[in-house]
Amino acid sequence: MGFRIIGPAAGDRPTVTISHQPWGEATIQLSGHPSITFITPEVALAEGACAYEGQQGKQETMPLLFVMKKDGDDWKIAAIRVLAR
């Protein structure tokens, strides 16, 4: 079993969308992959997955949502939630 935050594939160019509303948010869209949404400068949501061996040895993935919190210069996972499939 392993966890990963889904990132860009080789050659992918991320796009950034910034809301210009008061208290807006910025979203980074990784081509063909889930996104990272910055709720505040200190809090972000990142989609990811847990890969595991399911029935009959078939590899399966479970979609996850990571709540990330900035701690100094580092980002740390504050919470993980399983997303509906």
PDB file of N, CA and C in Angstrom:
ATOM      1  N   MET A   1       0.852  -1.165   0.000  1.00  0.00           N
ATOM      2  CA  MET A   1       0.000   0.000   0.000  1.00  0.00           C
ATOM      3  C   MET A   1       0.901   1.232   0.000  1.00  0.00           C
ATOM      4  N   GLY A   2       0.538   2.245  -0.744  1.00  0.00           N
ATOM      5  CA  GLY A   2       1.322   3.465  -0.772  1.00  0.00           C
ATOM      6  C   GLY A   2       0.436   4.667  -1.021  1.00  0.00           C
ATOM      7  N   PHE A   3       0.870   5.812  -0.530  1.00  0.00           N
ATOM      8  CA  PHE A   3       0.130   7.049  -0.723  1.00  0.00           C
ATOM      9  C   PHE A   3       0.940   7.967  -1.618  1.00  0.00           C
ATOM     10  N   ARG A   4       0.271   8.754  -2.418  1.00  0.00           N
ATOM     11  CA  ARG A   4       0.969   9.742  -3.233  1.00  0.00           C
ATOM     12  C   ARG A   4       0.045  10.915  -3.489  1.00  0.00           C
ATOM     13  N   ILE A   5       0.620  12.085  -3.615  1.00  0.00           N
ATOM     14  CA  ILE A   5      -0.124  13.230  -4.103  1.00  0.00           C
ATOM     15  C   ILE A   5       0.128  13.260  -5.588  1.00  0.00           C
ATOM     16  N   ILE A   6      -0.931  13.267  -6.356  1.00  0.00           N
ATOM     17  CA  ILE A   6      -0.805  13.165  -7.798  1.00  0.00           C
ATOM     18  C   ILE A   6      -0.216  14.454  -8.339  1.00  0.00           C
ATOM     19  N   GLY A   7       0.874  14.346  -9.053  1.00  0.00           N
ATOM     20  CA  GLY A   7       1.544  15.516  -9.591  1.00  0.00           C
ATOM     21  C   GLY A   7       1.584  15.482 -11.102  1.00  0.00           C
ATOM     22  N   PRO A   8       2.203  16.463 -11.691  1.00  0.00           N
ATOM     23  CA  PRO A   8       2.236  16.526 -13.149  1.00  0.00           C
ATOM     24  C   PRO A   8       3.119  15.435 -13.747  1.00  0.00           C
ATOM     25  N   ALA A   9       2.725  14.969 -14.915  1.00  0.00           N
ATOM     26  CA  ALA A   9       3.542  14.009 -15.654  1.00  0.00           C
ATOM     27  C   ALA A   9       4.598  14.787 -16.417  1.00  0.00           C
ATOM     28  N   ALA A  10       5.610  14.094 -16.887  1.00  0.00           N
ATOM     29  CA  ALA A  10       6.674  14.750 -17.646  1.00  0.00           C
ATOM     30  C   ALA A  10       6.070  15.514 -18.818  1.00  0.00           C
ATOM     31  N   GLY A  11       6.467  16.755 -18.986  1.00  0.00           N
ATOM     32  CA  GLY A  11       5.976  17.575 -20.084  1.00  0.00           C
ATOM     33  C   GLY A  11       4.687  18.323 -19.798  1.00  0.00           C
ATOM     34  N   ASP A  12       3.994  17.990 -18.702  1.00  0.00           N
ATOM     35  CA  ASP A  12       2.763  18.711 -18.355  1.00  0.00           C
ATOM     36  C   ASP A  12       3.092  20.115 -17.899  1.00  0.00           C
ATOM     37  N   ARG A  13       2.245  21.049 -18.262  1.00  0.00           N
ATOM     38  CA  ARG A  13       2.404  22.435 -17.830  1.00  0.00           C
ATOM     39  C   ARG A  13       1.179  22.807 -17.003  1.00  0.00           C
ATOM     40  N   PRO A  14       1.361  23.081 -15.711  1.00  0.00           N
ATOM     41  CA  PRO A  14       0.216  23.444 -14.879  1.00  0.00           C
ATOM     42  C   PRO A  14      -0.335  24.813 -15.266  1.00  0.00           C
ATOM     43  N   THR A  15      -1.626  25.013 -14.990  1.00  0.00           N
ATOM     44  CA  THR A  15      -2.254  26.313 -15.170  1.00  0.00           C
ATOM     45  C   THR A  15      -2.747  26.797 -13.812  1.00  0.00           C
ATOM     46  N   VAL A  16      -2.746  28.091 -13.627  1.00  0.00           N
ATOM     47  CA  VAL A  16      -3.178  28.681 -12.362  1.00  0.00           C
ATOM     48  C   VAL A  16      -4.381  29.578 -12.641  1.00  0.00           C
ATOM     49  N   THR A  17      -5.448  29.395 -11.862  1.00  0.00           N
ATOM     50  CA  THR A  17      -6.632  30.234 -11.948  1.00  0.00           C
ATOM     51  C   THR A  17      -6.777  30.951 -10.614  1.00  0.00           C
ATOM     52  N   ILE A  18      -6.859  32.267 -10.659  1.00  0.00           N
ATOM     53  CA  ILE A  18      -6.969  33.053  -9.432  1.00  0.00           C
ATOM     54  C   ILE A  18      -8.317  33.757  -9.424  1.00  0.00           C
ATOM     55  N   SER A  19      -9.080  33.541  -8.363  1.00  0.00           N
ATOM     56  CA  SER A  19     -10.344  34.231  -8.183  1.00  0.00           C
ATOM     57  C   SER A  19     -10.046  35.659  -7.742  1.00  0.00           C
ATOM     58  N   HIS A  20     -10.702  36.616  -8.367  1.00  0.00           N
ATOM     59  CA  HIS A  20     -10.465  38.019  -8.027  1.00  0.00           C
ATOM     60  C   HIS A  20     -11.528  38.558  -7.078  1.00  0.00           C
ATOM     61  N   GLN A  21     -12.306  37.668  -6.490  1.00  0.00           N
ATOM     62  CA  GLN A  21     -13.300  38.067  -5.505  1.00  0.00           C
ATOM     63  C   GLN A  21     -12.611  38.275  -4.158  1.00  0.00           C
ATOM     64  N   PRO A  22     -13.192  39.104  -3.302  1.00  0.00           N
ATOM     65  CA  PRO A  22     -12.603  39.213  -1.954  1.00  0.00           C
ATOM     66  C   PRO A  22     -12.540  37.821  -1.315  1.00  0.00           C
ATOM     67  N   TRP A  23     -11.438  37.535  -0.706  1.00  0.00           N
ATOM     68  CA  TRP A  23     -11.187  36.243  -0.071  1.00  0.00           C
ATOM     69  C   TRP A  23     -11.253  35.127  -1.108  1.00  0.00           C
ATOM     70  N   GLY A  24     -10.872  35.422  -2.338  1.00  0.00           N
ATOM     71  CA  GLY A  24     -10.859  34.417  -3.403  1.00  0.00           C
ATOM     72  C   GLY A  24      -9.788  33.376  -3.154  1.00  0.00           C
ATOM     73  N   GLU A  25      -9.726  32.411  -4.038  1.00  0.00           N
ATOM     74  CA  GLU A  25      -8.744  31.350  -3.884  1.00  0.00           C
ATOM     75  C   GLU A  25      -8.010  31.138  -5.197  1.00  0.00           C
ATOM     76  N   ALA A  26      -6.869  30.481  -5.126  1.00  0.00           N
ATOM     77  CA  ALA A  26      -6.088  30.141  -6.319  1.00  0.00           C
ATOM     78  C   ALA A  26      -6.147  28.632  -6.490  1.00  0.00           C
ATOM     79  N   THR A  27      -6.307  28.189  -7.727  1.00  0.00           N
ATOM     80  CA  THR A  27      -6.333  26.764  -8.037  1.00  0.00           C
ATOM     81  C   THR A  27      -5.251  26.466  -9.057  1.00  0.00           C
ATOM     82  N   ILE A  28      -4.449  25.432  -8.787  1.00  0.00           N
ATOM     83  CA  ILE A  28      -3.449  24.972  -9.738  1.00  0.00           C
ATOM     84  C   ILE A  28      -3.996  23.700 -10.375  1.00  0.00           C
ATOM     85  N   GLN A  29      -4.180  23.721 -11.693  1.00  0.00           N
ATOM     86  CA  GLN A  29      -4.673  22.545 -12.405  1.00  0.00           C
ATOM     87  C   GLN A  29      -3.494  21.878 -13.100  1.00  0.00           C
ATOM     88  N   LEU A  30      -3.235  20.629 -12.753  1.00  0.00           N
ATOM     89  CA  LEU A  30      -2.169  19.860 -13.367  1.00  0.00           C
ATOM     90  C   LEU A  30      -2.792  19.083 -14.510  1.00  0.00           C
ATOM     91  N   SER A  31      -2.353  19.304 -15.733  1.00  0.00           N
ATOM     92  CA  SER A  31      -2.945  18.716 -16.938  1.00  0.00           C
ATOM     93  C   SER A  31      -3.260  17.237 -16.751  1.00  0.00           C
ATOM     94  N   GLY A  32      -4.532  16.901 -16.898  1.00  0.00           N
ATOM     95  CA  GLY A  32      -4.939  15.502 -16.809  1.00  0.00           C
ATOM     96  C   GLY A  32      -4.919  14.933 -15.407  1.00  0.00           C
ATOM     97  N   HIS A  33      -4.682  15.771 -14.410  1.00  0.00           N
ATOM     98  CA  HIS A  33      -4.597  15.300 -13.031  1.00  0.00           C
ATOM     99  C   HIS A  33      -5.461  16.174 -12.134  1.00  0.00           C
ATOM    100  N   PRO A  34      -5.794  15.680 -10.945  1.00  0.00           N
ATOM    101  CA  PRO A  34      -6.542  16.489  -9.991  1.00  0.00           C
ATOM    102  C   PRO A  34      -5.798  17.776  -9.641  1.00  0.00           C
ATOM    103  N   SER A  35      -6.456  18.638  -8.926  1.00  0.00           N
ATOM    104  CA  SER A  35      -5.894  19.959  -8.664  1.00  0.00           C
ATOM    105  C   SER A  35      -5.516  20.165  -7.202  1.00  0.00           C
ATOM    106  N   ILE A  36      -4.806  21.250  -6.977  1.00  0.00           N
ATOM    107  CA  ILE A  36      -4.483  21.729  -5.643  1.00  0.00           C
ATOM    108  C   ILE A  36      -5.160  23.086  -5.526  1.00  0.00           C
ATOM    109  N   THR A  37      -5.961  23.278  -4.476  1.00  0.00           N
ATOM    110  CA  THR A  37      -6.663  24.537  -4.274  1.00  0.00           C
ATOM    111  C   THR A  37      -6.157  25.180  -2.996  1.00  0.00           C
ATOM    112  N   PHE A  38      -5.694  26.432  -3.109  1.00  0.00           N
ATOM    113  CA  PHE A  38      -5.233  27.175  -1.948  1.00  0.00           C
ATOM    114  C   PHE A  38      -6.427  27.925  -1.366  1.00  0.00           C
ATOM    115  N   ILE A  39      -6.831  27.528  -0.168  1.00  0.00           N
ATOM    116  CA  ILE A  39      -7.962  28.155   0.507  1.00  0.00           C
ATOM    117  C   ILE A  39      -7.518  29.480   1.123  1.00  0.00           C
ATOM    118  N   THR A  40      -6.362  29.480   1.752  1.00  0.00           N
ATOM    119  CA  THR A  40      -5.703  30.677   2.284  1.00  0.00           C
ATOM    120  C   THR A  40      -4.220  30.509   1.976  1.00  0.00           C
ATOM    121  N   PRO A  41      -3.388  31.506   2.236  1.00  0.00           N
ATOM    122  CA  PRO A  41      -1.949  31.311   2.022  1.00  0.00           C
ATOM    123  C   PRO A  41      -1.350  30.203   2.899  1.00  0.00           C
ATOM    124  N   GLU A  42      -2.071  29.785   3.930  1.00  0.00           N
ATOM    125  CA  GLU A  42      -1.563  28.782   4.870  1.00  0.00           C
ATOM    126  C   GLU A  42      -2.273  27.435   4.784  1.00  0.00           C
ATOM    127  N   VAL A  43      -3.356  27.332   3.993  1.00  0.00           N
ATOM    128  CA  VAL A  43      -4.149  26.097   3.922  1.00  0.00           C
ATOM    129  C   VAL A  43      -4.459  25.777   2.458  1.00  0.00           C
ATOM    130  N   ALA A  44      -4.275  24.494   2.082  1.00  0.00           N
ATOM    131  CA  ALA A  44      -4.571  24.056   0.720  1.00  0.00           C
ATOM    132  C   ALA A  44      -5.234  22.682   0.751  1.00  0.00           C
ATOM    133  N   LEU A  45      -5.999  22.383  -0.298  1.00  0.00           N
ATOM    134  CA  LEU A  45      -6.596  21.071  -0.485  1.00  0.00           C
ATOM    135  C   LEU A  45      -5.927  20.426  -1.688  1.00  0.00           C
ATOM    136  N   ALA A  46      -5.481  19.178  -1.544  1.00  0.00           N
ATOM    137  CA  ALA A  46      -4.817  18.476  -2.641  1.00  0.00           C
ATOM    138  C   ALA A  46      -5.473  17.112  -2.820  1.00  0.00           C
ATOM    139  N   GLU A  47      -5.833  16.799  -4.064  1.00  0.00           N
ATOM    140  CA  GLU A  47      -6.378  15.481  -4.349  1.00  0.00           C
ATOM    141  C   GLU A  47      -5.227  14.498  -4.532  1.00  0.00           C
ATOM    142  N   GLY A  48      -5.450  13.274  -4.116  1.00  0.00           N
ATOM    143  CA  GLY A  48      -4.428  12.255  -4.230  1.00  0.00           C
ATOM    144  C   GLY A  48      -5.066  10.888  -4.317  1.00  0.00           C
ATOM    145  N   ALA A  49      -4.287   9.857  -4.111  1.00  0.00           N
ATOM    146  CA  ALA A  49      -4.800   8.501  -4.194  1.00  0.00           C
ATOM    147  C   ALA A  49      -3.979   7.564  -3.331  1.00  0.00           C
ATOM    148  N   CYS A  50      -4.615   6.495  -2.905  1.00  0.00           N
ATOM    149  CA  CYS A  50      -3.951   5.406  -2.198  1.00  0.00           C
ATOM    150  C   CYS A  50      -4.027   4.196  -3.111  1.00  0.00           C
ATOM    151  N   ALA A  51      -2.888   3.660  -3.490  1.00  0.00           N
ATOM    152  CA  ALA A  51      -2.854   2.468  -4.340  1.00  0.00           C
ATOM    153  C   ALA A  51      -2.695   1.241  -3.452  1.00  0.00           C
ATOM    154  N   TYR A  52      -3.477   0.206  -3.726  1.00  0.00           N
ATOM    155  CA  TYR A  52      -3.403  -1.013  -2.926  1.00  0.00           C
ATOM    156  C   TYR A  52      -3.772  -2.214  -3.788  1.00  0.00           C
ATOM    157  N   GLU A  53      -3.414  -3.386  -3.298  1.00  0.00           N
ATOM    158  CA  GLU A  53      -3.745  -4.614  -4.007  1.00  0.00           C
ATOM    159  C   GLU A  53      -5.115  -5.070  -3.543  1.00  0.00           C
ATOM    160  N   GLY A  54      -6.048  -5.122  -4.480  1.00  0.00           N
ATOM    161  CA  GLY A  54      -7.415  -5.511  -4.160  1.00  0.00           C
ATOM    162  C   GLY A  54      -7.635  -6.992  -4.364  1.00  0.00           C
ATOM    163  N   GLN A  55      -8.878  -7.355  -4.603  1.00  0.00           N
ATOM    164  CA  GLN A  55      -9.236  -8.757  -4.811  1.00  0.00           C
ATOM    165  C   GLN A  55      -8.527  -9.314  -6.032  1.00  0.00           C
ATOM    166  N   GLN A  56      -8.148 -10.539  -5.949  1.00  0.00           N
ATOM    167  CA  GLN A  56      -7.499 -11.281  -7.026  1.00  0.00           C
ATOM    168  C   GLN A  56      -6.207 -10.612  -7.496  1.00  0.00           C
ATOM    169  N   GLY A  57      -5.540  -9.881  -6.608  1.00  0.00           N
ATOM    170  CA  GLY A  57      -4.252  -9.284  -6.915  1.00  0.00           C
ATOM    171  C   GLY A  57      -4.296  -8.079  -7.834  1.00  0.00           C
ATOM    172  N   LYS A  58      -5.476  -7.576  -8.112  1.00  0.00           N
ATOM    173  CA  LYS A  58      -5.623  -6.430  -9.009  1.00  0.00           C
ATOM    174  C   LYS A  58      -5.324  -5.132  -8.237  1.00  0.00           C
ATOM    175  N   GLN A  59      -4.491  -4.258  -8.845  1.00  0.00           N
ATOM    176  CA  GLN A  59      -4.179  -2.992  -8.178  1.00  0.00           C
ATOM    177  C   GLN A  59      -5.369  -2.043  -8.297  1.00  0.00           C
ATOM    178  N   GLU A  60      -5.748  -1.466  -7.182  1.00  0.00           N
ATOM    179  CA  GLU A  60      -6.858  -0.520  -7.140  1.00  0.00           C
ATOM    180  C   GLU A  60      -6.384   0.766  -6.495  1.00  0.00           C
ATOM    181  N   THR A  61      -7.121   1.827  -6.722  1.00  0.00           N
ATOM    182  CA  THR A  61      -6.798   3.102  -6.092  1.00  0.00           C
ATOM    183  C   THR A  61      -8.018   3.640  -5.373  1.00  0.00           C
ATOM    184  N   MET A  62      -7.767   4.335  -4.276  1.00  0.00           N
ATOM    185  CA  MET A  62      -8.804   4.973  -3.491  1.00  0.00           C
ATOM    186  C   MET A  62      -8.543   6.481  -3.531  1.00  0.00           C
ATOM    187  N   PRO A  63      -9.485   7.281  -4.067  1.00  0.00           N
ATOM    188  CA  PRO A  63      -9.259   8.720  -4.135  1.00  0.00           C
ATOM    189  C   PRO A  63      -9.275   9.354  -2.744  1.00  0.00           C
ATOM    190  N   LEU A  64      -8.349  10.277  -2.522  1.00  0.00           N
ATOM    191  CA  LEU A  64      -8.203  10.923  -1.219  1.00  0.00           C
ATOM    192  C   LEU A  64      -8.178  12.442  -1.374  1.00  0.00           C
ATOM    193  N   LEU A  65      -8.535  13.121  -0.319  1.00  0.00           N
ATOM    194  CA  LEU A  65      -8.407  14.569  -0.245  1.00  0.00           C
ATOM    195  C   LEU A  65      -7.494  14.883   0.936  1.00  0.00           C
ATOM    196  N   PHE A  66      -6.382  15.580   0.662  1.00  0.00           N
ATOM    197  CA  PHE A  66      -5.439  15.972   1.706  1.00  0.00           C
ATOM    198  C   PHE A  66      -5.700  17.421   2.080  1.00  0.00           C
ATOM    199  N   VAL A  67      -5.865  17.689   3.357  1.00  0.00           N
ATOM    200  CA  VAL A  67      -5.924  19.064   3.853  1.00  0.00           C
ATOM    201  C   VAL A  67      -4.497  19.387   4.293  1.00  0.00           C
ATOM    202  N   MET A  68      -3.887  20.347   3.609  1.00  0.00           N
ATOM    203  CA  MET A  68      -2.492  20.705   3.852  1.00  0.00           C
ATOM    204  C   MET A  68      -2.403  22.027   4.609  1.00  0.00           C
ATOM    205  N   LYS A  69      -1.461  22.112   5.562  1.00  0.00           N
ATOM    206  CA  LYS A  69      -1.264  23.333   6.343  1.00  0.00           C
ATOM    207  C   LYS A  69       0.207  23.716   6.272  1.00  0.00           C
ATOM    208  N   LYS A  70       0.444  24.986   6.014  1.00  0.00           N
ATOM    209  CA  LYS A  70       1.822  25.462   5.924  1.00  0.00           C
ATOM    210  C   LYS A  70       2.393  25.625   7.330  1.00  0.00           C
ATOM    211  N   ASP A  71       3.602  25.103   7.525  1.00  0.00           N
ATOM    212  CA  ASP A  71       4.297  25.182   8.810  1.00  0.00           C
ATOM    213  C   ASP A  71       5.689  25.717   8.509  1.00  0.00           C
ATOM    214  N   GLY A  72       5.879  27.026   8.667  1.00  0.00           N
ATOM    215  CA  GLY A  72       7.138  27.647   8.268  1.00  0.00           C
ATOM    216  C   GLY A  72       7.235  27.626   6.757  1.00  0.00           C
ATOM    217  N   ASP A  73       8.309  27.025   6.217  1.00  0.00           N
ATOM    218  CA  ASP A  73       8.472  26.898   4.773  1.00  0.00           C
ATOM    219  C   ASP A  73       7.942  25.565   4.245  1.00  0.00           C
ATOM    220  N   ASP A  74       7.478  24.692   5.139  1.00  0.00           N
ATOM    221  CA  ASP A  74       7.041  23.352   4.762  1.00  0.00           C
ATOM    222  C   ASP A  74       5.522  23.247   4.758  1.00  0.00           C
ATOM    223  N   TRP A  75       5.013  22.330   3.924  1.00  0.00           N
ATOM    224  CA  TRP A  75       3.587  21.996   3.929  1.00  0.00           C
ATOM    225  C   TRP A  75       3.430  20.635   4.589  1.00  0.00           C
ATOM    226  N   LYS A  76       2.489  20.541   5.535  1.00  0.00           N
ATOM    227  CA  LYS A  76       2.250  19.285   6.249  1.00  0.00           C
ATOM    228  C   LYS A  76       0.794  18.871   6.083  1.00  0.00           C
ATOM    229  N   ILE A  77       0.558  17.554   6.129  1.00  0.00           N
ATOM    230  CA  ILE A  77      -0.806  17.041   6.031  1.00  0.00           C
ATOM    231  C   ILE A  77      -1.491  17.225   7.379  1.00  0.00           C
ATOM    232  N   ALA A  78      -2.595  17.981   7.384  1.00  0.00           N
ATOM    233  CA  ALA A  78      -3.361  18.200   8.617  1.00  0.00           C
ATOM    234  C   ALA A  78      -4.476  17.164   8.751  1.00  0.00           C
ATOM    235  N   ALA A  79      -5.035  16.706   7.606  1.00  0.00           N
ATOM    236  CA  ALA A  79      -6.098  15.710   7.628  1.00  0.00           C
ATOM    237  C   ALA A  79      -6.180  15.023   6.257  1.00  0.00           C
ATOM    238  N   ILE A  80      -6.690  13.804   6.264  1.00  0.00           N
ATOM    239  CA  ILE A  80      -6.916  13.066   5.028  1.00  0.00           C
ATOM    240  C   ILE A  80      -8.356  12.559   5.054  1.00  0.00           C
ATOM    241  N   ARG A  81      -9.060  12.702   3.928  1.00  0.00           N
ATOM    242  CA  ARG A  81     -10.432  12.210   3.804  1.00  0.00           C
ATOM    243  C   ARG A  81     -10.537  11.321   2.573  1.00  0.00           C
ATOM    244  N   VAL A  82     -11.287  10.236   2.675  1.00  0.00           N
ATOM    245  CA  VAL A  82     -11.525   9.369   1.527  1.00  0.00           C
ATOM    246  C   VAL A  82     -12.662   9.975   0.714  1.00  0.00           C
ATOM    247  N   LEU A  83     -12.444  10.116  -0.612  1.00  0.00           N
ATOM    248  CA  LEU A  83     -13.467  10.666  -1.498  1.00  0.00           C
ATOM    249  C   LEU A  83     -14.339   9.558  -2.043  1.00  0.00           C
ATOM    250  N   ALA A  84     -15.563   9.888  -2.393  1.00  0.00           N
ATOM    251  CA  ALA A  84     -16.478   8.898  -3.002  1.00  0.00           C
ATOM    252  C   ALA A  84     -15.944   8.502  -4.365  1.00  0.00           C
ATOM    253  N   ARG A  85     -16.143   7.269  -4.719  1.00  0.00           N
ATOM    254  CA  ARG A  85     -15.690   6.768  -6.034  1.00  0.00           C
ATOM    255  C   ARG A  85     -16.767   6.915  -7.052  1.00  0.00           C
TER     256      ARG A  85
END
